[in-house]
């Protein structure tokens, strides 16, 4: 870690800043709340596709639930 401060990364002087700046505790809490809400909505979507319409679920509902979860998985990962 000694040589970290000597790297310039193409700048004129020494540059040892984080890439996107420092995050505050408020930003982390907001990210956790949004991520939890997104995960909860995806979970409710998957459960409702199997339970609510009728006891043997329709294949179309399962297909839509899978499509919604696949398109929303990137939001969960972020």
C-alpha atoms as a PDB file:
ATOM      1  CA  UNK A   1       0.000   0.000   0.000  1.00  0.00           C
ATOM      2  CA  UNK A   2       3.029   2.275   0.091  1.00  0.00           C
ATOM      3  CA  UNK A   3       2.990   2.780  -3.671  1.00  0.00           C
ATOM      4  CA  UNK A   4      -0.707   3.744  -3.760  1.00  0.00           C
ATOM      5  CA  UNK A   5       0.016   7.395  -3.046  1.00  0.00           C
ATOM      6  CA  UNK A   6       2.581   7.590  -5.869  1.00  0.00           C
ATOM      7  CA  UNK A   7       0.157   6.631  -8.641  1.00  0.00           C
ATOM      8  CA  UNK A   8      -1.085   9.488 -10.815  1.00  0.00           C
ATOM      9  CA  UNK A   9      -3.664   7.707 -13.055  1.00  0.00           C
ATOM     10  CA  UNK A  10      -3.079  10.114 -15.897  1.00  0.00           C
ATOM     11  CA  UNK A  11      -3.589  13.245 -13.818  1.00  0.00           C
ATOM     12  CA  UNK A  12      -0.983  15.901 -13.352  1.00  0.00           C
ATOM     13  CA  UNK A  13      -0.541  15.310  -9.628  1.00  0.00           C
ATOM     14  CA  UNK A  14      -1.077  12.680  -7.017  1.00  0.00           C
ATOM     15  CA  UNK A  15      -4.625  11.348  -6.999  1.00  0.00           C
ATOM     16  CA  UNK A  16      -5.726   8.977  -4.259  1.00  0.00           C
ATOM     17  CA  UNK A  17      -9.422   9.903  -4.110  1.00  0.00           C
ATOM     18  CA  UNK A  18     -12.186   7.278  -4.278  1.00  0.00           C
ATOM     19  CA  UNK A  19     -13.772   6.902  -7.702  1.00  0.00           C
ATOM     20  CA  UNK A  20     -17.246   8.184  -6.801  1.00  0.00           C
ATOM     21  CA  UNK A  21     -16.506  10.052  -3.602  1.00  0.00           C
ATOM     22  CA  UNK A  22     -17.379   9.035  -0.094  1.00  0.00           C
ATOM     23  CA  UNK A  23     -20.901   7.917   0.700  1.00  0.00           C
ATOM     24  CA  UNK A  24     -22.656   9.145   3.778  1.00  0.00           C
ATOM     25  CA  UNK A  25     -24.708   7.110   6.215  1.00  0.00           C
ATOM     26  CA  UNK A  26     -27.855   8.758   4.830  1.00  0.00           C
ATOM     27  CA  UNK A  27     -27.047   7.513   1.312  1.00  0.00           C
ATOM     28  CA  UNK A  28     -26.452   3.993   2.582  1.00  0.00           C
ATOM     29  CA  UNK A  29     -29.762   3.956   4.452  1.00  0.00           C
ATOM     30  CA  UNK A  30     -31.634   5.209   1.389  1.00  0.00           C
ATOM     31  CA  UNK A  31     -29.985   2.514  -0.752  1.00  0.00           C
ATOM     32  CA  UNK A  32     -30.933  -0.193   1.751  1.00  0.00           C
ATOM     33  CA  UNK A  33     -34.545   1.006   1.927  1.00  0.00           C
ATOM     34  CA  UNK A  34     -34.928   1.144  -1.851  1.00  0.00           C
ATOM     35  CA  UNK A  35     -33.283  -2.261  -2.265  1.00  0.00           C
ATOM     36  CA  UNK A  36     -35.482  -3.812   0.416  1.00  0.00           C
ATOM     37  CA  UNK A  37     -38.619  -2.347  -1.134  1.00  0.00           C
ATOM     38  CA  UNK A  38     -37.647  -3.646  -4.576  1.00  0.00           C
ATOM     39  CA  UNK A  39     -36.940  -7.122  -3.219  1.00  0.00           C
ATOM     40  CA  UNK A  40     -40.237  -7.136  -1.339  1.00  0.00           C
ATOM     41  CA  UNK A  41     -42.204  -6.154  -4.459  1.00  0.00           C
ATOM     42  CA  UNK A  42     -40.563  -8.907  -6.502  1.00  0.00           C
ATOM     43  CA  UNK A  43     -41.305 -11.450  -3.775  1.00  0.00           C
ATOM     44  CA  UNK A  44     -44.966 -10.350  -3.616  1.00  0.00           C
ATOM     45  CA  UNK A  45     -45.199 -10.636  -7.409  1.00  0.00           C
ATOM     46  CA  UNK A  46     -43.868 -14.179  -7.397  1.00  0.00           C
ATOM     47  CA  UNK A  47     -46.115 -15.279  -4.538  1.00  0.00           C
ATOM     48  CA  UNK A  48     -49.229 -13.694  -6.039  1.00  0.00           C
ATOM     49  CA  UNK A  49     -48.595 -15.403  -9.374  1.00  0.00           C
ATOM     50  CA  UNK A  50     -48.902 -18.776  -7.667  1.00  0.00           C
ATOM     51  CA  UNK A  51     -51.587 -18.087  -5.044  1.00  0.00           C
ATOM     52  CA  UNK A  52     -54.169 -15.428  -5.902  1.00  0.00           C
ATOM     53  CA  UNK A  53     -55.748 -16.110  -9.305  1.00  0.00           C
ATOM     54  CA  UNK A  54     -56.810 -19.677  -8.557  1.00  0.00           C
ATOM     55  CA  UNK A  55     -55.415 -22.651  -6.717  1.00  0.00           C
ATOM     56  CA  UNK A  56     -53.807 -24.358  -9.712  1.00  0.00           C
ATOM     57  CA  UNK A  57     -51.899 -21.369 -11.125  1.00  0.00           C
ATOM     58  CA  UNK A  58     -52.219 -20.415 -14.758  1.00  0.00           C
ATOM     59  CA  UNK A  59     -49.031 -20.871 -16.791  1.00  0.00           C
ATOM     60  CA  UNK A  60     -49.419 -17.340 -18.160  1.00  0.00           C
ATOM     61  CA  UNK A  61     -49.260 -15.867 -14.647  1.00  0.00           C
ATOM     62  CA  UNK A  62     -46.131 -17.874 -13.884  1.00  0.00           C
ATOM     63  CA  UNK A  63     -44.573 -16.737 -17.160  1.00  0.00           C
ATOM     64  CA  UNK A  64     -45.290 -13.074 -16.386  1.00  0.00           C
ATOM     65  CA  UNK A  65     -43.934 -13.464 -12.850  1.00  0.00           C
ATOM     66  CA  UNK A  66     -40.706 -14.946 -14.210  1.00  0.00           C
ATOM     67  CA  UNK A  67     -40.409 -12.151 -16.796  1.00  0.00           C
ATOM     68  CA  UNK A  68     -40.951  -9.459 -14.169  1.00  0.00           C
ATOM     69  CA  UNK A  69     -38.451 -11.044 -11.798  1.00  0.00           C
ATOM     70  CA  UNK A  70     -35.807 -11.419 -14.526  1.00  0.00           C
ATOM     71  CA  UNK A  71     -36.185  -7.812 -15.598  1.00  0.00           C
ATOM     72  CA  UNK A  72     -36.101  -6.614 -11.982  1.00  0.00           C
ATOM     73  CA  UNK A  73     -33.148  -8.719 -10.846  1.00  0.00           C
ATOM     74  CA  UNK A  74     -30.741  -5.994 -11.959  1.00  0.00           C
ATOM     75  CA  UNK A  75     -32.388  -3.548  -9.574  1.00  0.00           C
ATOM     76  CA  UNK A  76     -31.991  -6.073  -6.774  1.00  0.00           C
ATOM     77  CA  UNK A  77     -28.324  -6.593  -7.566  1.00  0.00           C
ATOM     78  CA  UNK A  78     -27.628  -2.880  -7.588  1.00  0.00           C
END
